[in-house]
């Protein structure tokens, strides 16, 4: 969900629409629906690749876990949510 929100926040036109409308108007926007659909479709291939690696029986699973742990740790540190040891 967070990745999707970040992707949508990167769309300057969508952010401008957010600022120009009430919350209700924005939530009913067909543009928002289209942006969500596009963001999900654009990321589907990456999710499929990740799932293929993760659910394989090979050593790639450990590499995926290590890469995710590293990325998560760095993001949490950057957000000030984790104390460095």
C-alpha atoms as a PDB file:
ATOM      1  CA  UNK A   1       0.000   0.000   0.000  1.00  0.00           C
ATOM      2  CA  UNK A   2       2.806   2.412   0.909  1.00  0.00           C
ATOM      3  CA  UNK A   3       4.518   1.868  -2.420  1.00  0.00           C
ATOM      4  CA  UNK A   4       1.296   2.614  -4.238  1.00  0.00           C
ATOM      5  CA  UNK A   5       0.740   5.805  -2.239  1.00  0.00           C
ATOM      6  CA  UNK A   6       4.311   6.935  -2.979  1.00  0.00           C
ATOM      7  CA  UNK A   7       3.784   6.244  -6.670  1.00  0.00           C
ATOM      8  CA  UNK A   8       0.560   8.291  -6.694  1.00  0.00           C
ATOM      9  CA  UNK A   9       2.209  11.157  -4.802  1.00  0.00           C
ATOM     10  CA  UNK A  10       4.853  11.313  -7.531  1.00  0.00           C
ATOM     11  CA  UNK A  11       2.140  12.226 -10.063  1.00  0.00           C
ATOM     12  CA  UNK A  12       2.171  16.044 -10.016  1.00  0.00           C
ATOM     13  CA  UNK A  13      -1.153  16.331 -11.858  1.00  0.00           C
ATOM     14  CA  UNK A  14      -2.834  14.080  -9.320  1.00  0.00           C
ATOM     15  CA  UNK A  15      -1.376  16.030  -6.402  1.00  0.00           C
ATOM     16  CA  UNK A  16      -2.622  19.274  -7.969  1.00  0.00           C
ATOM     17  CA  UNK A  17      -6.100  17.771  -8.299  1.00  0.00           C
ATOM     18  CA  UNK A  18      -5.962  16.799  -4.648  1.00  0.00           C
ATOM     19  CA  UNK A  19      -5.255  20.378  -3.649  1.00  0.00           C
ATOM     20  CA  UNK A  20      -7.932  21.813  -5.947  1.00  0.00           C
ATOM     21  CA  UNK A  21     -10.810  19.604  -4.772  1.00  0.00           C
ATOM     22  CA  UNK A  22     -12.586  18.614  -1.601  1.00  0.00           C
ATOM     23  CA  UNK A  23     -11.774  15.180  -0.235  1.00  0.00           C
ATOM     24  CA  UNK A  24     -15.107  13.840  -1.465  1.00  0.00           C
ATOM     25  CA  UNK A  25     -14.648  15.302  -4.950  1.00  0.00           C
ATOM     26  CA  UNK A  26     -11.169  13.875  -5.164  1.00  0.00           C
ATOM     27  CA  UNK A  27     -12.240  10.428  -3.952  1.00  0.00           C
ATOM     28  CA  UNK A  28     -14.904  10.343  -6.683  1.00  0.00           C
ATOM     29  CA  UNK A  29     -12.473  11.406  -9.407  1.00  0.00           C
ATOM     30  CA  UNK A  30     -12.206   9.163 -12.438  1.00  0.00           C
ATOM     31  CA  UNK A  31      -8.663  10.490 -12.858  1.00  0.00           C
ATOM     32  CA  UNK A  32      -7.724   9.029  -9.487  1.00  0.00           C
ATOM     33  CA  UNK A  33      -9.248   5.676 -10.403  1.00  0.00           C
ATOM     34  CA  UNK A  34      -7.304   5.696 -13.668  1.00  0.00           C
ATOM     35  CA  UNK A  35      -4.058   6.638 -11.878  1.00  0.00           C
ATOM     36  CA  UNK A  36      -4.471   3.793  -9.374  1.00  0.00           C
ATOM     37  CA  UNK A  37      -5.210   1.322 -12.154  1.00  0.00           C
ATOM     38  CA  UNK A  38      -2.139   2.458 -14.116  1.00  0.00           C
ATOM     39  CA  UNK A  39       0.147   2.332 -11.063  1.00  0.00           C
ATOM     40  CA  UNK A  40      -0.975  -1.193 -10.203  1.00  0.00           C
ATOM     41  CA  UNK A  41      -0.611  -2.381 -13.795  1.00  0.00           C
ATOM     42  CA  UNK A  42       2.839  -0.785 -14.129  1.00  0.00           C
ATOM     43  CA  UNK A  43       4.060  -2.543 -10.997  1.00  0.00           C
ATOM     44  CA  UNK A  44       2.501  -5.942 -11.751  1.00  0.00           C
ATOM     45  CA  UNK A  45       5.552  -7.259 -13.608  1.00  0.00           C
ATOM     46  CA  UNK A  46       7.844  -6.349 -10.715  1.00  0.00           C
ATOM     47  CA  UNK A  47       5.517  -8.055  -8.239  1.00  0.00           C
ATOM     48  CA  UNK A  48       5.331 -11.167 -10.417  1.00  0.00           C
ATOM     49  CA  UNK A  49       9.121 -11.328 -10.648  1.00  0.00           C
ATOM     50  CA  UNK A  50       9.437 -10.957  -6.877  1.00  0.00           C
ATOM     51  CA  UNK A  51       6.859 -13.703  -6.314  1.00  0.00           C
ATOM     52  CA  UNK A  52       8.661 -16.017  -8.760  1.00  0.00           C
ATOM     53  CA  UNK A  53      11.916 -15.590  -6.852  1.00  0.00           C
ATOM     54  CA  UNK A  54      10.299 -15.844  -3.440  1.00  0.00           C
ATOM     55  CA  UNK A  55       8.302 -19.004  -4.092  1.00  0.00           C
ATOM     56  CA  UNK A  56      11.088 -20.847  -5.884  1.00  0.00           C
ATOM     57  CA  UNK A  57      12.970 -23.628  -4.159  1.00  0.00           C
ATOM     58  CA  UNK A  58      16.345 -22.155  -5.028  1.00  0.00           C
ATOM     59  CA  UNK A  59      18.782 -19.960  -3.136  1.00  0.00           C
ATOM     60  CA  UNK A  60      17.159 -16.830  -4.571  1.00  0.00           C
ATOM     61  CA  UNK A  61      14.675 -16.750  -1.668  1.00  0.00           C
ATOM     62  CA  UNK A  62      17.403 -15.870   0.796  1.00  0.00           C
ATOM     63  CA  UNK A  63      18.668 -13.132  -1.505  1.00  0.00           C
ATOM     64  CA  UNK A  64      15.177 -11.641  -1.727  1.00  0.00           C
ATOM     65  CA  UNK A  65      14.800 -11.696   2.063  1.00  0.00           C
ATOM     66  CA  UNK A  66      18.221 -10.091   2.589  1.00  0.00           C
ATOM     67  CA  UNK A  67      17.521  -7.385  -0.004  1.00  0.00           C
ATOM     68  CA  UNK A  68      14.103  -6.630   1.504  1.00  0.00           C
ATOM     69  CA  UNK A  69      15.506  -6.533   5.035  1.00  0.00           C
ATOM     70  CA  UNK A  70      18.247  -4.141   3.942  1.00  0.00           C
ATOM     71  CA  UNK A  71      15.828  -1.860   2.074  1.00  0.00           C
ATOM     72  CA  UNK A  72      13.304  -1.898   4.917  1.00  0.00           C
ATOM     73  CA  UNK A  73      15.945  -1.176   7.551  1.00  0.00           C
ATOM     74  CA  UNK A  74      17.376   1.762   5.599  1.00  0.00           C
ATOM     75  CA  UNK A  75      13.912   3.217   4.940  1.00  0.00           C
ATOM     76  CA  UNK A  76      12.923   2.889   8.601  1.00  0.00           C
ATOM     77  CA  UNK A  77      16.183   4.532   9.731  1.00  0.00           C
ATOM     78  CA  UNK A  78      15.612   7.371   7.263  1.00  0.00           C
ATOM     79  CA  UNK A  79      12.131   7.871   8.706  1.00  0.00           C
ATOM     80  CA  UNK A  80      13.481   7.830  12.268  1.00  0.00           C
ATOM     81  CA  UNK A  81      11.477   4.751  13.241  1.00  0.00           C
ATOM     82  CA  UNK A  82      14.378   2.528  14.272  1.00  0.00           C
ATOM     83  CA  UNK A  83      17.322   3.242  16.535  1.00  0.00           C
ATOM     84  CA  UNK A  84      20.707   2.384  15.053  1.00  0.00           C
ATOM     85  CA  UNK A  85      22.613  -0.243  16.998  1.00  0.00           C
END
